[in-house]
């Protein structure tokens, strides 16, 4: 059950869910068409994780004057807090670029007509089931516009 008030527990659950997903995606078996749904869920996850990184960066920045270094120095603690905030913001920016790529991948994946299932025969050959109707992709011009706007934003580099 999600815990909306405990960031540590939620982060642990997210890490465990990512671990389970890593195992589950090793083989799609006969349901290759499920790959589209996985890509769109990854896109959604990337968007949320980008927000989380920005929020954790803000916590480090906003509380930097309360931080102490290992030597109990305020200056050292403040420096570490601000450095952590900067790195978290950079990670969020990079995840934004990954998000743009996932968005394009989802468009392409949604346009594929995958068989609903691939069942092996006794001789090892495959028999494909009826094809899933592809989703209508966003026109490439629109996809390019979305991606270029994100990547050209301040702080992003190609």
C-alpha atoms as a PDB file:
ATOM      1  CA  UNK A   1       0.000   0.000   0.000  1.00  0.00           C
ATOM      2  CA  UNK A   2       1.495   3.385  -0.961  1.00  0.00           C
ATOM      3  CA  UNK A   3       2.538   5.609   1.914  1.00  0.00           C
ATOM      4  CA  UNK A   4       2.082   9.254   0.944  1.00  0.00           C
ATOM      5  CA  UNK A   5       3.518  10.615   4.192  1.00  0.00           C
ATOM      6  CA  UNK A   6       6.763   8.658   4.527  1.00  0.00           C
ATOM      7  CA  UNK A   7       9.316   9.514   1.815  1.00  0.00           C
ATOM      8  CA  UNK A   8      11.837   6.900   2.987  1.00  0.00           C
ATOM      9  CA  UNK A   9       9.313   4.064   2.869  1.00  0.00           C
ATOM     10  CA  UNK A  10       7.990   5.278  -0.496  1.00  0.00           C
ATOM     11  CA  UNK A  11      11.533   5.396  -1.914  1.00  0.00           C
ATOM     12  CA  UNK A  12      12.171   1.857  -0.653  1.00  0.00           C
ATOM     13  CA  UNK A  13       8.945   0.643  -2.261  1.00  0.00           C
ATOM     14  CA  UNK A  14       9.860   2.364  -5.540  1.00  0.00           C
ATOM     15  CA  UNK A  15      13.282   0.716  -5.501  1.00  0.00           C
ATOM     16  CA  UNK A  16      11.722  -2.692  -4.883  1.00  0.00           C
ATOM     17  CA  UNK A  17       9.162  -2.115  -7.646  1.00  0.00           C
ATOM     18  CA  UNK A  18      11.998  -1.202 -10.048  1.00  0.00           C
ATOM     19  CA  UNK A  19      13.823  -4.381  -9.028  1.00  0.00           C
ATOM     20  CA  UNK A  20      10.704  -6.467  -9.717  1.00  0.00           C
ATOM     21  CA  UNK A  21      10.273  -4.727 -13.077  1.00  0.00           C
ATOM     22  CA  UNK A  22      13.882  -5.467 -14.006  1.00  0.00           C
ATOM     23  CA  UNK A  23      13.206  -9.149 -13.428  1.00  0.00           C
ATOM     24  CA  UNK A  24       9.784  -9.125 -15.123  1.00  0.00           C
ATOM     25  CA  UNK A  25      11.069  -7.464 -18.296  1.00  0.00           C
ATOM     26  CA  UNK A  26      13.768 -10.062 -18.888  1.00  0.00           C
ATOM     27  CA  UNK A  27      11.151 -12.040 -20.785  1.00  0.00           C
ATOM     28  CA  UNK A  28       7.819 -10.934 -22.145  1.00  0.00           C
ATOM     29  CA  UNK A  29       7.055 -14.461 -23.277  1.00  0.00           C
ATOM     30  CA  UNK A  30       4.104 -14.618 -25.622  1.00  0.00           C
ATOM     31  CA  UNK A  31       2.853 -11.124 -24.739  1.00  0.00           C
ATOM     32  CA  UNK A  32       5.196  -8.878 -26.725  1.00  0.00           C
ATOM     33  CA  UNK A  33       2.318  -6.416 -27.165  1.00  0.00           C
ATOM     34  CA  UNK A  34       2.611  -5.626 -23.442  1.00  0.00           C
ATOM     35  CA  UNK A  35       5.871  -3.816 -24.184  1.00  0.00           C
ATOM     36  CA  UNK A  36       3.885  -0.710 -25.210  1.00  0.00           C
ATOM     37  CA  UNK A  37       2.162  -0.569 -21.825  1.00  0.00           C
ATOM     38  CA  UNK A  38       5.514  -1.004 -20.084  1.00  0.00           C
ATOM     39  CA  UNK A  39       7.015   1.902 -22.075  1.00  0.00           C
ATOM     40  CA  UNK A  40       4.093   4.201 -21.232  1.00  0.00           C
ATOM     41  CA  UNK A  41       4.319   3.290 -17.541  1.00  0.00           C
ATOM     42  CA  UNK A  42       8.071   3.984 -17.635  1.00  0.00           C
ATOM     43  CA  UNK A  43       7.296   7.383 -19.160  1.00  0.00           C
ATOM     44  CA  UNK A  44       4.879   8.113 -16.328  1.00  0.00           C
ATOM     45  CA  UNK A  45       7.443   6.929 -13.784  1.00  0.00           C
ATOM     46  CA  UNK A  46      10.169   9.121 -15.297  1.00  0.00           C
ATOM     47  CA  UNK A  47       7.913  12.171 -15.020  1.00  0.00           C
ATOM     48  CA  UNK A  48       7.210  11.453 -11.373  1.00  0.00           C
ATOM     49  CA  UNK A  49      10.820  10.684 -10.556  1.00  0.00           C
ATOM     50  CA  UNK A  50      11.907  13.964 -12.149  1.00  0.00           C
ATOM     51  CA  UNK A  51       9.499  15.755  -9.792  1.00  0.00           C
ATOM     52  CA  UNK A  52      10.831  13.792  -6.807  1.00  0.00           C
ATOM     53  CA  UNK A  53      14.421  14.752  -7.648  1.00  0.00           C
ATOM     54  CA  UNK A  54      13.473  18.435  -7.883  1.00  0.00           C
ATOM     55  CA  UNK A  55      11.660  18.255  -4.540  1.00  0.00           C
ATOM     56  CA  UNK A  56      14.559  16.528  -2.767  1.00  0.00           C
ATOM     57  CA  UNK A  57      16.927  19.107  -4.280  1.00  0.00           C
ATOM     58  CA  UNK A  58      14.729  21.870  -2.854  1.00  0.00           C
ATOM     59  CA  UNK A  59      14.862  20.275   0.597  1.00  0.00           C
ATOM     60  CA  UNK A  60      18.670  20.300   0.475  1.00  0.00           C
ATOM     61  CA  UNK A  61      18.785  23.892  -0.754  1.00  0.00           C
ATOM     62  CA  UNK A  62      16.141  25.238   1.630  1.00  0.00           C
ATOM     63  CA  UNK A  63      17.673  23.586   4.702  1.00  0.00           C
ATOM     64  CA  UNK A  64      21.331  24.189   3.798  1.00  0.00           C
ATOM     65  CA  UNK A  65      21.853  26.624   6.704  1.00  0.00           C
ATOM     66  CA  UNK A  66      20.899  23.876   9.179  1.00  0.00           C
ATOM     67  CA  UNK A  67      23.373  21.349   7.742  1.00  0.00           C
ATOM     68  CA  UNK A  68      26.622  20.464   9.490  1.00  0.00           C
ATOM     69  CA  UNK A  69      29.642  18.680   8.096  1.00  0.00           C
ATOM     70  CA  UNK A  70      31.338  15.711   9.708  1.00  0.00           C
ATOM     71  CA  UNK A  71      33.561  18.224  11.501  1.00  0.00           C
ATOM     72  CA  UNK A  72      30.387  19.971  12.795  1.00  0.00           C
ATOM     73  CA  UNK A  73      31.219  22.922  10.554  1.00  0.00           C
ATOM     74  CA  UNK A  74      28.291  24.950   9.225  1.00  0.00           C
ATOM     75  CA  UNK A  75      30.260  25.960   6.142  1.00  0.00           C
ATOM     76  CA  UNK A  76      31.097  22.352   5.302  1.00  0.00           C
ATOM     77  CA  UNK A  77      27.511  21.208   5.866  1.00  0.00           C
ATOM     78  CA  UNK A  78      26.130  24.076   3.793  1.00  0.00           C
ATOM     79  CA  UNK A  79      28.564  23.303   0.984  1.00  0.00           C
ATOM     80  CA  UNK A  80      27.566  19.636   0.937  1.00  0.00           C
ATOM     81  CA  UNK A  81      23.850  20.481   1.020  1.00  0.00           C
ATOM     82  CA  UNK A  82      24.156  22.907  -1.891  1.00  0.00           C
ATOM     83  CA  UNK A  83      26.342  20.479  -3.862  1.00  0.00           C
ATOM     84  CA  UNK A  84      23.790  17.709  -3.302  1.00  0.00           C
ATOM     85  CA  UNK A  85      21.001  20.058  -4.426  1.00  0.00           C
ATOM     86  CA  UNK A  86      22.900  20.946  -7.602  1.00  0.00           C
ATOM     87  CA  UNK A  87      23.556  17.286  -8.437  1.00  0.00           C
ATOM     88  CA  UNK A  88      19.928  16.362  -7.782  1.00  0.00           C
ATOM     89  CA  UNK A  89      18.778  19.170 -10.090  1.00  0.00           C
ATOM     90  CA  UNK A  90      21.195  17.928 -12.765  1.00  0.00           C
ATOM     91  CA  UNK A  91      19.835  14.396 -12.345  1.00  0.00           C
ATOM     92  CA  UNK A  92      16.304  15.784 -12.774  1.00  0.00           C
ATOM     93  CA  UNK A  93      17.350  17.603 -15.962  1.00  0.00           C
ATOM     94  CA  UNK A  94      18.927  14.450 -17.361  1.00  0.00           C
ATOM     95  CA  UNK A  95      15.839  12.474 -16.443  1.00  0.00           C
ATOM     96  CA  UNK A  96      13.833  15.091 -18.340  1.00  0.00           C
ATOM     97  CA  UNK A  97      15.884  14.243 -21.418  1.00  0.00           C
ATOM     98  CA  UNK A  98      15.268  10.528 -20.834  1.00  0.00           C
ATOM     99  CA  UNK A  99      11.568  11.336 -20.458  1.00  0.00           C
ATOM    100  CA  UNK A 100      11.564  13.028 -23.873  1.00  0.00           C
ATOM    101  CA  UNK A 101      13.146   9.907 -25.394  1.00  0.00           C
ATOM    102  CA  UNK A 102      10.600   7.667 -23.657  1.00  0.00           C
ATOM    103  CA  UNK A 103       7.815   9.849 -25.039  1.00  0.00           C
ATOM    104  CA  UNK A 104       9.097   9.355 -28.591  1.00  0.00           C
ATOM    105  CA  UNK A 105       9.625   5.627 -27.960  1.00  0.00           C
ATOM    106  CA  UNK A 106       6.031   5.334 -26.715  1.00  0.00           C
ATOM    107  CA  UNK A 107       4.784   6.989 -29.897  1.00  0.00           C
ATOM    108  CA  UNK A 108       6.678   4.531 -32.060  1.00  0.00           C
ATOM    109  CA  UNK A 109       5.830   1.529 -29.892  1.00  0.00           C
ATOM    110  CA  UNK A 110       2.148   2.471 -30.007  1.00  0.00           C
ATOM    111  CA  UNK A 111       2.236   2.382 -33.805  1.00  0.00           C
ATOM    112  CA  UNK A 112       3.438  -1.238 -33.926  1.00  0.00           C
ATOM    113  CA  UNK A 113       0.989  -4.022 -34.736  1.00  0.00           C
ATOM    114  CA  UNK A 114       2.188  -6.730 -32.357  1.00  0.00           C
ATOM    115  CA  UNK A 115       0.545 -10.125 -32.205  1.00  0.00           C
ATOM    116  CA  UNK A 116      -1.580 -10.457 -29.059  1.00  0.00           C
ATOM    117  CA  UNK A 117       0.363 -13.608 -28.231  1.00  0.00           C
ATOM    118  CA  UNK A 118       3.048 -15.787 -29.710  1.00  0.00           C
ATOM    119  CA  UNK A 119       2.508 -19.440 -28.961  1.00  0.00           C
ATOM    120  CA  UNK A 120       5.258 -21.989 -29.616  1.00  0.00           C
ATOM    121  CA  UNK A 121       4.336 -25.099 -31.598  1.00  0.00           C
ATOM    122  CA  UNK A 122       5.633 -28.590 -30.933  1.00  0.00           C
ATOM    123  CA  UNK A 123       8.385 -28.150 -33.520  1.00  0.00           C
ATOM    124  CA  UNK A 124       9.512 -24.876 -31.928  1.00  0.00           C
ATOM    125  CA  UNK A 125       8.035 -22.574 -34.603  1.00  0.00           C
ATOM    126  CA  UNK A 126       5.712 -19.779 -33.518  1.00  0.00           C
ATOM    127  CA  UNK A 127       2.073 -19.233 -34.339  1.00  0.00           C
ATOM    128  CA  UNK A 128       0.950 -15.651 -33.978  1.00  0.00           C
ATOM    129  CA  UNK A 129      -2.449 -14.643 -32.724  1.00  0.00           C
ATOM    130  CA  UNK A 130      -4.475 -11.779 -34.254  1.00  0.00           C
ATOM    131  CA  UNK A 131      -2.728  -8.438 -34.342  1.00  0.00           C
ATOM    132  CA  UNK A 132      -3.498  -5.670 -31.889  1.00  0.00           C
ATOM    133  CA  UNK A 133      -4.676  -2.493 -33.568  1.00  0.00           C
ATOM    134  CA  UNK A 134      -1.935   0.134 -33.219  1.00  0.00           C
ATOM    135  CA  UNK A 135      -2.561   3.383 -31.412  1.00  0.00           C
ATOM    136  CA  UNK A 136      -2.511   6.551 -33.464  1.00  0.00           C
ATOM    137  CA  UNK A 137       0.934   8.134 -33.051  1.00  0.00           C
ATOM    138  CA  UNK A 138       1.502  11.826 -32.556  1.00  0.00           C
ATOM    139  CA  UNK A 139       2.765  13.344 -35.831  1.00  0.00           C
ATOM    140  CA  UNK A 140       6.557  13.437 -35.984  1.00  0.00           C
ATOM    141  CA  UNK A 141       6.571  17.241 -36.275  1.00  0.00           C
ATOM    142  CA  UNK A 142       4.703  17.488 -32.958  1.00  0.00           C
ATOM    143  CA  UNK A 143       6.972  14.893 -31.343  1.00  0.00           C
ATOM    144  CA  UNK A 144      10.043  16.810 -32.541  1.00  0.00           C
ATOM    145  CA  UNK A 145       8.595  20.091 -31.263  1.00  0.00           C
ATOM    146  CA  UNK A 146       7.939  18.586 -27.810  1.00  0.00           C
ATOM    147  CA  UNK A 147      11.395  17.028 -27.630  1.00  0.00           C
ATOM    148  CA  UNK A 148      13.263  20.084 -28.923  1.00  0.00           C
ATOM    149  CA  UNK A 149      11.465  22.392 -26.519  1.00  0.00           C
ATOM    150  CA  UNK A 150      12.461  20.195 -23.580  1.00  0.00           C
ATOM    151  CA  UNK A 151      16.050  19.757 -24.684  1.00  0.00           C
ATOM    152  CA  UNK A 152      16.532  23.425 -25.553  1.00  0.00           C
ATOM    153  CA  UNK A 153      15.302  24.545 -22.147  1.00  0.00           C
ATOM    154  CA  UNK A 154      17.835  26.291 -19.916  1.00  0.00           C
ATOM    155  CA  UNK A 155      20.183  23.800 -18.311  1.00  0.00           C
ATOM    156  CA  UNK A 156      19.732  21.133 -20.963  1.00  0.00           C
ATOM    157  CA  UNK A 157      22.517  20.281 -23.334  1.00  0.00           C
ATOM    158  CA  UNK A 158      22.379  18.102 -26.392  1.00  0.00           C
END
